[in-house]
Amino acid sequence: MTDYQDTYTRRKFTERAGIIGLTVMALITITPIILIVGYIVWKGAPAISWEFISGFPSDGMKAGGILPAIVGTFWLTIGTALFSVPLGIGAAVYLSEYAPDNRVTRMIRVAIINLAGIPSVVYGLFGLGLFVLFLNFGTSILAGSLTLSIMTLPIIISTAEEALRAVPQSFRVVSVSLGGTKWQTIRRVVLPQALPGIITGIILGLERAAGETAPILFTVAAFFLPRLPSSPLDATMALPYHLFVISTQVPGMPVKIQFGTALVLLVFALSMNLFATLIRFRARSKREW
């Protein structure tokens, strides 16, 4: 009995030590993020006003607002989603549900993983050569959206495929046994059950696209434009590049404008996360496993 109690005590001690260690590691990870976000809010909040959000830059971008950069980032994100989401989900469905498990398919998966790790500046140079120069789209929202779409596709494909493969095989077997075709099974059973994971991948990809500077530097971003874009073939300002410009290229720039721009970009990304979280919550409440 004593040996049993000693073993039980050691296990409880090990469990508590593990919990304490995990808690410490979580705090070490979360604390810097909270401090960074808090510092941005503290330094950037004084710049936030209706004029700052809805106005145009003035006085060499040392005054006025950042509306063109906000609108440009919005349209780039929408354009990226229009190109990358259907292609990414379609590729994930094919790899998960239709592609045979052979050497070619494994090579494709490895290539997708490797593409996700390529530096964004390489995608920018690729977009410059293909979309801006070869296809003659010029520095435009279209060229920038296509470049960002190629950059985000590996993330969307990988996460969406994992979400589809996580759906229990029994769901597919039951659907087919009830007379459903393979496509009906995918569309009505597999995709709805995998929706939370797919949305996570989409938001991760789009958030990366919204915060990138190098790809849009070569394909779409303008140093300064006193107007809003009126066509997909127009250049535009964007929050990441505008933040880079006012932080490095404009002497005498007020610090509060720099941090105010960073705060707006942060809120933009967090809003996407919040929207995705609400959709995931509704999808998970309907999930049957």
C-alpha atoms as a PDB file:
ATOM      1  CA  MET A   1       0.000   0.000   0.000  1.00  0.00           C
ATOM      2  CA  THR A   2       2.889   2.300   0.790  1.00  0.00           C
ATOM      3  CA  ASP A   3       4.481   1.618  -2.598  1.00  0.00           C
ATOM      4  CA  TYR A   4       1.181   2.440  -4.284  1.00  0.00           C
ATOM      5  CA  GLN A   5       0.887   5.712  -2.358  1.00  0.00           C
ATOM      6  CA  ASP A   6       4.484   6.644  -3.228  1.00  0.00           C
ATOM      7  CA  THR A   7       3.843   5.942  -6.918  1.00  0.00           C
ATOM      8  CA  TYR A   8       0.631   7.961  -6.821  1.00  0.00           C
ATOM      9  CA  THR A   9       2.410  10.853  -5.079  1.00  0.00           C
ATOM     10  CA  ARG A  10       5.214  10.865  -7.635  1.00  0.00           C
ATOM     11  CA  ARG A  11       2.725  10.866 -10.499  1.00  0.00           C
ATOM     12  CA  LYS A  12       0.786  13.756  -8.985  1.00  0.00           C
ATOM     13  CA  PHE A  13       4.017  15.681  -8.427  1.00  0.00           C
ATOM     14  CA  THR A  14       5.089  15.037 -12.038  1.00  0.00           C
ATOM     15  CA  GLU A  15       1.687  16.110 -13.304  1.00  0.00           C
ATOM     16  CA  ARG A  16       1.738  19.327 -11.304  1.00  0.00           C
ATOM     17  CA  ALA A  17       5.295  20.075 -12.364  1.00  0.00           C
ATOM     18  CA  GLY A  18       4.284  19.554 -16.002  1.00  0.00           C
ATOM     19  CA  ILE A  19       1.279  21.853 -15.640  1.00  0.00           C
ATOM     20  CA  ILE A  20       3.429  24.530 -14.004  1.00  0.00           C
ATOM     21  CA  GLY A  21       6.039  24.210 -16.755  1.00  0.00           C
ATOM     22  CA  LEU A  22       3.434  24.501 -19.505  1.00  0.00           C
ATOM     23  CA  THR A  23       1.874  27.503 -17.778  1.00  0.00           C
ATOM     24  CA  VAL A  24       5.253  29.235 -17.540  1.00  0.00           C
ATOM     25  CA  MET A  25       5.986  28.557 -21.218  1.00  0.00           C
ATOM     26  CA  ALA A  26       2.555  29.885 -22.178  1.00  0.00           C
ATOM     27  CA  LEU A  27       3.163  33.058 -20.171  1.00  0.00           C
ATOM     28  CA  ILE A  28       6.607  33.482 -21.728  1.00  0.00           C
ATOM     29  CA  THR A  29       4.988  33.233 -25.162  1.00  0.00           C
ATOM     30  CA  ILE A  30       1.953  35.412 -24.519  1.00  0.00           C
ATOM     31  CA  THR A  31       3.507  38.184 -22.434  1.00  0.00           C
ATOM     32  CA  PRO A  32       5.711  39.697 -25.203  1.00  0.00           C
ATOM     33  CA  ILE A  33       2.735  39.696 -27.578  1.00  0.00           C
ATOM     34  CA  ILE A  34       0.562  41.503 -25.047  1.00  0.00           C
ATOM     35  CA  LEU A  35       3.339  44.019 -24.361  1.00  0.00           C
ATOM     36  CA  ILE A  36       3.868  44.698 -28.079  1.00  0.00           C
ATOM     37  CA  VAL A  37       0.147  45.151 -28.752  1.00  0.00           C
ATOM     38  CA  GLY A  38      -0.213  47.342 -25.671  1.00  0.00           C
ATOM     39  CA  TYR A  39       2.735  49.510 -26.707  1.00  0.00           C
ATOM     40  CA  ILE A  40       1.296  49.980 -30.217  1.00  0.00           C
ATOM     41  CA  VAL A  41      -2.093  50.926 -28.764  1.00  0.00           C
ATOM     42  CA  TRP A  42      -0.502  53.328 -26.268  1.00  0.00           C
ATOM     43  CA  LYS A  43       1.628  55.086 -28.880  1.00  0.00           C
ATOM     44  CA  GLY A  44      -0.892  54.951 -31.731  1.00  0.00           C
ATOM     45  CA  ALA A  45      -4.191  55.755 -30.005  1.00  0.00           C
ATOM     46  CA  PRO A  46      -3.533  59.547 -29.912  1.00  0.00           C
ATOM     47  CA  ALA A  47      -3.402  59.590 -33.707  1.00  0.00           C
ATOM     48  CA  ILE A  48      -6.731  57.819 -34.214  1.00  0.00           C
ATOM     49  CA  SER A  49      -9.525  60.161 -35.253  1.00  0.00           C
ATOM     50  CA  TRP A  50     -12.173  60.362 -37.923  1.00  0.00           C
ATOM     51  CA  GLU A  51      -9.948  62.649 -39.974  1.00  0.00           C
ATOM     52  CA  PHE A  52      -7.085  60.149 -39.707  1.00  0.00           C
ATOM     53  CA  ILE A  53      -9.295  57.261 -40.871  1.00  0.00           C
ATOM     54  CA  SER A  54     -11.234  59.069 -43.590  1.00  0.00           C
ATOM     55  CA  GLY A  55      -8.780  61.711 -44.815  1.00  0.00           C
ATOM     56  CA  PHE A  56      -6.042  61.818 -47.422  1.00  0.00           C
ATOM     57  CA  PRO A  57      -2.343  62.319 -46.621  1.00  0.00           C
ATOM     58  CA  SER A  58      -1.124  65.903 -46.697  1.00  0.00           C
ATOM     59  CA  ASP A  59       1.974  67.958 -45.919  1.00  0.00           C
ATOM     60  CA  GLY A  60       4.301  65.314 -47.297  1.00  0.00           C
ATOM     61  CA  MET A  61       2.295  62.581 -45.479  1.00  0.00           C
ATOM     62  CA  LYS A  62       3.132  64.205 -42.120  1.00  0.00           C
ATOM     63  CA  ALA A  63      -0.514  65.136 -41.628  1.00  0.00           C
ATOM     64  CA  GLY A  64      -3.962  64.167 -42.855  1.00  0.00           C
ATOM     65  CA  GLY A  65      -5.265  60.628 -42.995  1.00  0.00           C
ATOM     66  CA  ILE A  66      -4.580  57.194 -44.419  1.00  0.00           C
ATOM     67  CA  LEU A  67      -7.835  56.433 -46.257  1.00  0.00           C
ATOM     68  CA  PRO A  68      -6.118  55.489 -49.580  1.00  0.00           C
ATOM     69  CA  ALA A  69      -3.922  52.971 -47.748  1.00  0.00           C
ATOM     70  CA  ILE A  70      -6.908  51.454 -45.933  1.00  0.00           C
ATOM     71  CA  VAL A  71      -8.968  51.150 -49.117  1.00  0.00           C
ATOM     72  CA  GLY A  72      -5.992  49.750 -51.037  1.00  0.00           C
ATOM     73  CA  THR A  73      -5.352  47.084 -48.400  1.00  0.00           C
ATOM     74  CA  PHE A  74      -9.034  46.162 -48.408  1.00  0.00           C
ATOM     75  CA  TRP A  75      -9.167  45.704 -52.179  1.00  0.00           C
ATOM     76  CA  LEU A  76      -5.908  43.750 -52.220  1.00  0.00           C
ATOM     77  CA  THR A  77      -7.276  41.396 -49.566  1.00  0.00           C
ATOM     78  CA  ILE A  78     -10.549  40.935 -51.455  1.00  0.00           C
ATOM     79  CA  GLY A  79      -8.680  40.343 -54.727  1.00  0.00           C
ATOM     80  CA  THR A  80      -6.396  37.820 -53.070  1.00  0.00           C
ATOM     81  CA  ALA A  81      -9.390  35.963 -51.636  1.00  0.00           C
ATOM     82  CA  LEU A  82     -11.179  35.869 -55.013  1.00  0.00           C
ATOM     83  CA  PHE A  83      -8.212  34.173 -56.677  1.00  0.00           C
ATOM     84  CA  SER A  84      -6.718  32.032 -53.908  1.00  0.00           C
ATOM     85  CA  VAL A  85      -9.720  30.672 -51.981  1.00  0.00           C
ATOM     86  CA  PRO A  86     -11.475  28.772 -54.827  1.00  0.00           C
ATOM     87  CA  LEU A  87      -8.186  27.459 -56.215  1.00  0.00           C
ATOM     88  CA  GLY A  88      -6.869  26.519 -52.787  1.00  0.00           C
ATOM     89  CA  ILE A  89      -9.989  24.681 -51.663  1.00  0.00           C
ATOM     90  CA  GLY A  90     -10.310  22.975 -55.064  1.00  0.00           C
ATOM     91  CA  ALA A  91      -6.711  21.765 -54.919  1.00  0.00           C
ATOM     92  CA  ALA A  92      -7.184  20.567 -51.333  1.00  0.00           C
ATOM     93  CA  VAL A  93     -10.329  18.624 -52.272  1.00  0.00           C
ATOM     94  CA  TYR A  94      -8.525  16.963 -55.157  1.00  0.00           C
ATOM     95  CA  LEU A  95      -5.476  16.009 -53.089  1.00  0.00           C
ATOM     96  CA  SER A  96      -7.586  14.741 -50.181  1.00  0.00           C
ATOM     97  CA  GLU A  97     -10.455  13.012 -51.962  1.00  0.00           C
ATOM     98  CA  TYR A  98      -9.459  12.166 -55.531  1.00  0.00           C
ATOM     99  CA  ALA A  99      -5.668  12.004 -55.939  1.00  0.00           C
ATOM    100  CA  PRO A 100      -4.114   8.530 -55.613  1.00  0.00           C
ATOM    101  CA  ASP A 101      -1.495   8.024 -52.919  1.00  0.00           C
ATOM    102  CA  ASN A 102       1.556   7.661 -55.133  1.00  0.00           C
ATOM    103  CA  ARG A 103       4.955   9.247 -55.634  1.00  0.00           C
ATOM    104  CA  VAL A 104       3.627  12.099 -57.776  1.00  0.00           C
ATOM    105  CA  THR A 105       1.059  13.125 -55.182  1.00  0.00           C
ATOM    106  CA  ARG A 106       3.656  13.011 -52.418  1.00  0.00           C
ATOM    107  CA  MET A 107       5.995  15.172 -54.513  1.00  0.00           C
ATOM    108  CA  ILE A 108       3.178  17.679 -55.024  1.00  0.00           C
ATOM    109  CA  ARG A 109       2.573  17.877 -51.269  1.00  0.00           C
ATOM    110  CA  VAL A 110       6.277  18.391 -50.602  1.00  0.00           C
ATOM    111  CA  ALA A 111       6.367  21.121 -53.259  1.00  0.00           C
ATOM    112  CA  ILE A 112       3.394  22.882 -51.639  1.00  0.00           C
ATOM    113  CA  ILE A 113       5.095  22.791 -48.238  1.00  0.00           C
ATOM    114  CA  ASN A 114       8.306  24.172 -49.747  1.00  0.00           C
ATOM    115  CA  LEU A 115       6.400  26.954 -51.522  1.00  0.00           C
ATOM    116  CA  ALA A 116       4.973  28.057 -48.168  1.00  0.00           C
ATOM    117  CA  GLY A 117       8.510  28.698 -46.935  1.00  0.00           C
ATOM    118  CA  ILE A 118       9.734  30.818 -49.852  1.00  0.00           C
ATOM    119  CA  PRO A 119      10.525  34.427 -48.820  1.00  0.00           C
ATOM    120  CA  SER A 120       7.867  36.905 -49.860  1.00  0.00           C
ATOM    121  CA  VAL A 121      10.367  39.035 -51.783  1.00  0.00           C
ATOM    122  CA  VAL A 122      10.824  36.137 -54.211  1.00  0.00           C
ATOM    123  CA  TYR A 123       7.083  36.123 -54.873  1.00  0.00           C
ATOM    124  CA  GLY A 124       7.310  39.867 -55.440  1.00  0.00           C
ATOM    125  CA  LEU A 125      10.003  39.452 -58.072  1.00  0.00           C
ATOM    126  CA  PHE A 126       8.004  36.654 -59.703  1.00  0.00           C
ATOM    127  CA  GLY A 127       4.899  38.858 -59.803  1.00  0.00           C
ATOM    128  CA  LEU A 128       6.938  41.705 -61.270  1.00  0.00           C
ATOM    129  CA  GLY A 129       8.253  39.516 -64.061  1.00  0.00           C
ATOM    130  CA  LEU A 130       5.025  37.659 -64.876  1.00  0.00           C
ATOM    131  CA  PHE A 131       2.113  39.962 -64.146  1.00  0.00           C
ATOM    132  CA  VAL A 132       3.601  43.462 -64.339  1.00  0.00           C
ATOM    133  CA  LEU A 133       5.964  43.018 -67.300  1.00  0.00           C
ATOM    134  CA  PHE A 134       5.090  39.867 -69.268  1.00  0.00           C
ATOM    135  CA  LEU A 135       1.280  40.059 -69.033  1.00  0.00           C
ATOM    136  CA  ASN A 136       1.464  43.863 -69.072  1.00  0.00           C
ATOM    137  CA  PHE A 137      -0.865  44.429 -66.134  1.00  0.00           C
ATOM    138  CA  GLY A 138       1.435  47.156 -64.885  1.00  0.00           C
ATOM    139  CA  THR A 139       1.679  48.118 -61.230  1.00  0.00           C
ATOM    140  CA  SER A 140      -1.963  47.471 -60.395  1.00  0.00           C
ATOM    141  CA  ILE A 141      -4.335  45.927 -57.898  1.00  0.00           C
ATOM    142  CA  LEU A 142      -4.771  42.996 -60.304  1.00  0.00           C
ATOM    143  CA  ALA A 143      -1.045  42.272 -60.454  1.00  0.00           C
ATOM    144  CA  GLY A 144      -0.698  42.641 -56.695  1.00  0.00           C
ATOM    145  CA  SER A 145      -3.705  40.423 -55.950  1.00  0.00           C
ATOM    146  CA  LEU A 146      -2.461  37.674 -58.255  1.00  0.00           C
ATOM    147  CA  THR A 147       0.991  37.793 -56.687  1.00  0.00           C
ATOM    148  CA  LEU A 148      -0.418  37.636 -53.164  1.00  0.00           C
ATOM    149  CA  SER A 149      -2.736  34.816 -54.239  1.00  0.00           C
ATOM    150  CA  ILE A 150       0.195  32.678 -55.371  1.00  0.00           C
ATOM    151  CA  MET A 151       1.935  33.409 -52.070  1.00  0.00           C
ATOM    152  CA  THR A 152      -1.082  32.396 -49.953  1.00  0.00           C
ATOM    153  CA  LEU A 153      -2.117  29.316 -51.953  1.00  0.00           C
ATOM    154  CA  PRO A 154       0.296  26.897 -50.199  1.00  0.00           C
ATOM    155  CA  ILE A 155      -1.055  27.875 -46.766  1.00  0.00           C
ATOM    156  CA  ILE A 156      -4.682  27.501 -47.824  1.00  0.00           C
ATOM    157  CA  ILE A 157      -4.082  24.195 -49.619  1.00  0.00           C
ATOM    158  CA  SER A 158      -2.148  22.629 -46.734  1.00  0.00           C
ATOM    159  CA  THR A 159      -4.558  23.630 -43.965  1.00  0.00           C
ATOM    160  CA  ALA A 160      -7.671  22.841 -46.018  1.00  0.00           C
ATOM    161  CA  GLU A 161      -6.337  19.398 -46.949  1.00  0.00           C
ATOM    162  CA  GLU A 162      -5.552  18.600 -43.322  1.00  0.00           C
ATOM    163  CA  ALA A 163      -9.050  19.717 -42.322  1.00  0.00           C
ATOM    164  CA  LEU A 164     -10.622  17.485 -44.985  1.00  0.00           C
ATOM    165  CA  ARG A 165      -8.494  14.481 -44.048  1.00  0.00           C
ATOM    166  CA  ALA A 166      -9.462  14.937 -40.377  1.00  0.00           C
ATOM    167  CA  VAL A 167     -13.139  14.224 -41.158  1.00  0.00           C
ATOM    168  CA  PRO A 168     -13.822  10.601 -40.061  1.00  0.00           C
ATOM    169  CA  GLN A 169     -13.904   8.117 -42.934  1.00  0.00           C
ATOM    170  CA  SER A 170     -17.135   6.674 -41.541  1.00  0.00           C
ATOM    171  CA  PHE A 171     -18.976   9.822 -42.660  1.00  0.00           C
ATOM    172  CA  ARG A 172     -17.999   9.098 -46.252  1.00  0.00           C
ATOM    173  CA  VAL A 173     -18.882   5.406 -45.986  1.00  0.00           C
ATOM    174  CA  VAL A 174     -22.359   6.138 -44.594  1.00  0.00           C
ATOM    175  CA  SER A 175     -23.065   8.755 -47.259  1.00  0.00           C
ATOM    176  CA  VAL A 176     -22.051   6.454 -50.101  1.00  0.00           C
ATOM    177  CA  SER A 177     -23.995   3.527 -48.614  1.00  0.00           C
ATOM    178  CA  LEU A 178     -27.120   5.707 -48.609  1.00  0.00           C
ATOM    179  CA  GLY A 179     -26.772   6.288 -52.345  1.00  0.00           C
ATOM    180  CA  GLY A 180     -24.796   9.530 -52.440  1.00  0.00           C
ATOM    181  CA  THR A 181     -22.234  10.059 -55.155  1.00  0.00           C
ATOM    182  CA  LYS A 182     -18.649  10.948 -54.294  1.00  0.00           C
ATOM    183  CA  TRP A 183     -19.190  14.616 -55.148  1.00  0.00           C
ATOM    184  CA  GLN A 184     -22.436  14.757 -53.151  1.00  0.00           C
ATOM    185  CA  THR A 185     -20.577  13.258 -50.206  1.00  0.00           C
ATOM    186  CA  ILE A 186     -17.817  15.840 -50.464  1.00  0.00           C
ATOM    187  CA  ARG A 187     -20.169  18.799 -50.942  1.00  0.00           C
ATOM    188  CA  ARG A 188     -22.831  17.919 -48.369  1.00  0.00           C
ATOM    189  CA  VAL A 189     -20.908  15.953 -45.758  1.00  0.00           C
ATOM    190  CA  VAL A 190     -17.129  16.414 -45.875  1.00  0.00           C
ATOM    191  CA  LEU A 191     -16.854  20.130 -46.666  1.00  0.00           C
ATOM    192  CA  PRO A 192     -19.353  21.285 -43.994  1.00  0.00           C
ATOM    193  CA  GLN A 193     -17.594  19.170 -41.356  1.00  0.00           C
ATOM    194  CA  ALA A 194     -14.157  20.496 -42.387  1.00  0.00           C
ATOM    195  CA  LEU A 195     -15.304  24.124 -42.618  1.00  0.00           C
ATOM    196  CA  PRO A 196     -13.737  25.352 -39.324  1.00  0.00           C
ATOM    197  CA  GLY A 197     -10.278  24.151 -40.346  1.00  0.00           C
ATOM    198  CA  ILE A 198     -10.670  25.481 -43.877  1.00  0.00           C
ATOM    199  CA  ILE A 199     -11.646  28.923 -42.585  1.00  0.00           C
ATOM    200  CA  THR A 200      -8.604  28.925 -40.309  1.00  0.00           C
ATOM    201  CA  GLY A 201      -6.329  28.309 -43.287  1.00  0.00           C
ATOM    202  CA  ILE A 202      -8.033  30.984 -45.364  1.00  0.00           C
ATOM    203  CA  ILE A 203      -7.681  33.614 -42.636  1.00  0.00           C
ATOM    204  CA  LEU A 204      -4.037  32.697 -42.005  1.00  0.00           C
ATOM    205  CA  GLY A 205      -3.299  33.120 -45.696  1.00  0.00           C
ATOM    206  CA  LEU A 206      -5.215  36.376 -46.084  1.00  0.00           C
ATOM    207  CA  GLU A 207      -3.683  37.857 -42.933  1.00  0.00           C
ATOM    208  CA  ARG A 208      -0.239  37.158 -44.308  1.00  0.00           C
ATOM    209  CA  ALA A 209      -1.229  38.765 -47.592  1.00  0.00           C
ATOM    210  CA  ALA A 210      -2.657  41.847 -45.849  1.00  0.00           C
ATOM    211  CA  GLY A 211       0.530  42.379 -43.847  1.00  0.00           C
ATOM    212  CA  GLU A 212       3.159  41.773 -46.545  1.00  0.00           C
ATOM    213  CA  THR A 213       5.282  44.580 -47.943  1.00  0.00           C
ATOM    214  CA  ALA A 214       7.760  43.007 -50.392  1.00  0.00           C
ATOM    215  CA  PRO A 215       5.259  41.538 -52.923  1.00  0.00           C
ATOM    216  CA  ILE A 216       3.204  44.731 -53.204  1.00  0.00           C
ATOM    217  CA  LEU A 217       6.363  46.843 -53.358  1.00  0.00           C
ATOM    218  CA  PHE A 218       7.092  45.358 -56.802  1.00  0.00           C
ATOM    219  CA  THR A 219       3.559  44.966 -58.143  1.00  0.00           C
ATOM    220  CA  VAL A 220       1.050  47.508 -56.846  1.00  0.00           C
ATOM    221  CA  ALA A 221       2.077  49.842 -54.017  1.00  0.00           C
ATOM    222  CA  ALA A 222       2.450  53.553 -54.694  1.00  0.00           C
ATOM    223  CA  PHE A 223       4.512  55.930 -52.551  1.00  0.00           C
ATOM    224  CA  PHE A 224       1.712  58.500 -52.540  1.00  0.00           C
ATOM    225  CA  LEU A 225      -1.624  58.788 -54.321  1.00  0.00           C
ATOM    226  CA  PRO A 226      -4.080  61.623 -53.547  1.00  0.00           C
ATOM    227  CA  ARG A 227      -7.048  59.576 -54.807  1.00  0.00           C
ATOM    228  CA  LEU A 228      -8.745  56.212 -54.425  1.00  0.00           C
ATOM    229  CA  PRO A 229      -8.343  53.446 -57.028  1.00  0.00           C
ATOM    230  CA  SER A 230     -11.171  53.247 -59.552  1.00  0.00           C
ATOM    231  CA  SER A 231     -10.113  50.145 -61.496  1.00  0.00           C
ATOM    232  CA  PRO A 232      -8.326  46.820 -60.876  1.00  0.00           C
ATOM    233  CA  LEU A 233      -5.612  48.123 -63.201  1.00  0.00           C
ATOM    234  CA  ASP A 234      -4.881  51.133 -60.960  1.00  0.00           C
ATOM    235  CA  ALA A 235      -1.998  51.309 -58.531  1.00  0.00           C
ATOM    236  CA  THR A 236      -2.866  51.963 -54.916  1.00  0.00           C
ATOM    237  CA  MET A 237      -1.424  52.738 -51.533  1.00  0.00           C
ATOM    238  CA  ALA A 238      -1.438  49.954 -48.926  1.00  0.00           C
ATOM    239  CA  LEU A 239      -1.032  49.973 -45.162  1.00  0.00           C
ATOM    240  CA  PRO A 240       2.113  47.776 -44.915  1.00  0.00           C
ATOM    241  CA  TYR A 241       4.016  49.729 -47.560  1.00  0.00           C
ATOM    242  CA  HIS A 242       2.721  53.067 -46.275  1.00  0.00           C
ATOM    243  CA  LEU A 243       3.950  52.158 -42.800  1.00  0.00           C
ATOM    244  CA  PHE A 244       7.353  51.273 -44.242  1.00  0.00           C
ATOM    245  CA  VAL A 245       7.518  54.545 -46.152  1.00  0.00           C
ATOM    246  CA  ILE A 246       6.575  56.850 -43.294  1.00  0.00           C
ATOM    247  CA  SER A 247       8.923  54.996 -40.934  1.00  0.00           C
ATOM    248  CA  THR A 248      12.014  55.025 -43.172  1.00  0.00           C
ATOM    249  CA  GLN A 249      11.629  57.450 -46.088  1.00  0.00           C
ATOM    250  CA  VAL A 250       9.966  60.553 -44.641  1.00  0.00           C
ATOM    251  CA  PRO A 251      12.183  62.625 -42.309  1.00  0.00           C
ATOM    252  CA  GLY A 252      10.490  64.341 -39.395  1.00  0.00           C
ATOM    253  CA  MET A 253       7.477  62.041 -39.440  1.00  0.00           C
ATOM    254  CA  PRO A 254       5.487  62.276 -36.155  1.00  0.00           C
ATOM    255  CA  VAL A 255       5.807  59.080 -34.174  1.00  0.00           C
ATOM    256  CA  LYS A 256       2.098  58.985 -33.385  1.00  0.00           C
ATOM    257  CA  ILE A 257       1.261  58.762 -37.108  1.00  0.00           C
ATOM    258  CA  GLN A 258       3.628  55.824 -37.515  1.00  0.00           C
ATOM    259  CA  PHE A 259       2.118  53.961 -34.585  1.00  0.00           C
ATOM    260  CA  GLY A 260      -1.389  55.041 -35.557  1.00  0.00           C
ATOM    261  CA  THR A 261      -0.911  53.424 -38.963  1.00  0.00           C
ATOM    262  CA  ALA A 262       0.453  50.282 -37.286  1.00  0.00           C
ATOM    263  CA  LEU A 263      -2.582  50.249 -34.978  1.00  0.00           C
ATOM    264  CA  VAL A 264      -5.001  50.470 -37.910  1.00  0.00           C
ATOM    265  CA  LEU A 265      -3.215  47.580 -39.644  1.00  0.00           C
ATOM    266  CA  LEU A 266      -3.362  45.585 -36.413  1.00  0.00           C
ATOM    267  CA  VAL A 267      -7.090  46.257 -36.020  1.00  0.00           C
ATOM    268  CA  PHE A 268      -7.622  45.259 -39.664  1.00  0.00           C
ATOM    269  CA  ALA A 269      -5.949  41.884 -39.050  1.00  0.00           C
ATOM    270  CA  LEU A 270      -7.722  41.331 -35.722  1.00  0.00           C
ATOM    271  CA  SER A 271     -11.080  42.133 -37.346  1.00  0.00           C
ATOM    272  CA  MET A 272     -10.463  39.378 -39.885  1.00  0.00           C
ATOM    273  CA  ASN A 273      -9.650  37.022 -37.012  1.00  0.00           C
ATOM    274  CA  LEU A 274     -12.822  37.990 -35.152  1.00  0.00           C
ATOM    275  CA  PHE A 275     -14.955  37.460 -38.245  1.00  0.00           C
ATOM    276  CA  ALA A 276     -13.367  34.054 -38.845  1.00  0.00           C
ATOM    277  CA  THR A 277     -13.808  33.090 -35.193  1.00  0.00           C
ATOM    278  CA  LEU A 278     -17.546  33.790 -35.361  1.00  0.00           C
ATOM    279  CA  ILE A 279     -17.891  31.679 -38.505  1.00  0.00           C
ATOM    280  CA  ARG A 280     -15.826  28.863 -36.971  1.00  0.00           C
ATOM    281  CA  PHE A 281     -17.944  28.944 -33.822  1.00  0.00           C
ATOM    282  CA  ARG A 282     -21.152  28.542 -35.808  1.00  0.00           C
ATOM    283  CA  ALA A 283     -19.629  25.793 -37.945  1.00  0.00           C
ATOM    284  CA  ARG A 284     -18.314  23.878 -34.932  1.00  0.00           C
ATOM    285  CA  SER A 285     -21.696  24.070 -33.208  1.00  0.00           C
ATOM    286  CA  LYS A 286     -23.162  22.180 -36.173  1.00  0.00           C
ATOM    287  CA  ARG A 287     -20.321  19.669 -36.428  1.00  0.00           C
ATOM    288  CA  GLU A 288     -21.271  16.104 -35.556  1.00  0.00           C
ATOM    289  CA  TRP A 289     -17.944  14.835 -34.229  1.00  0.00           C
END
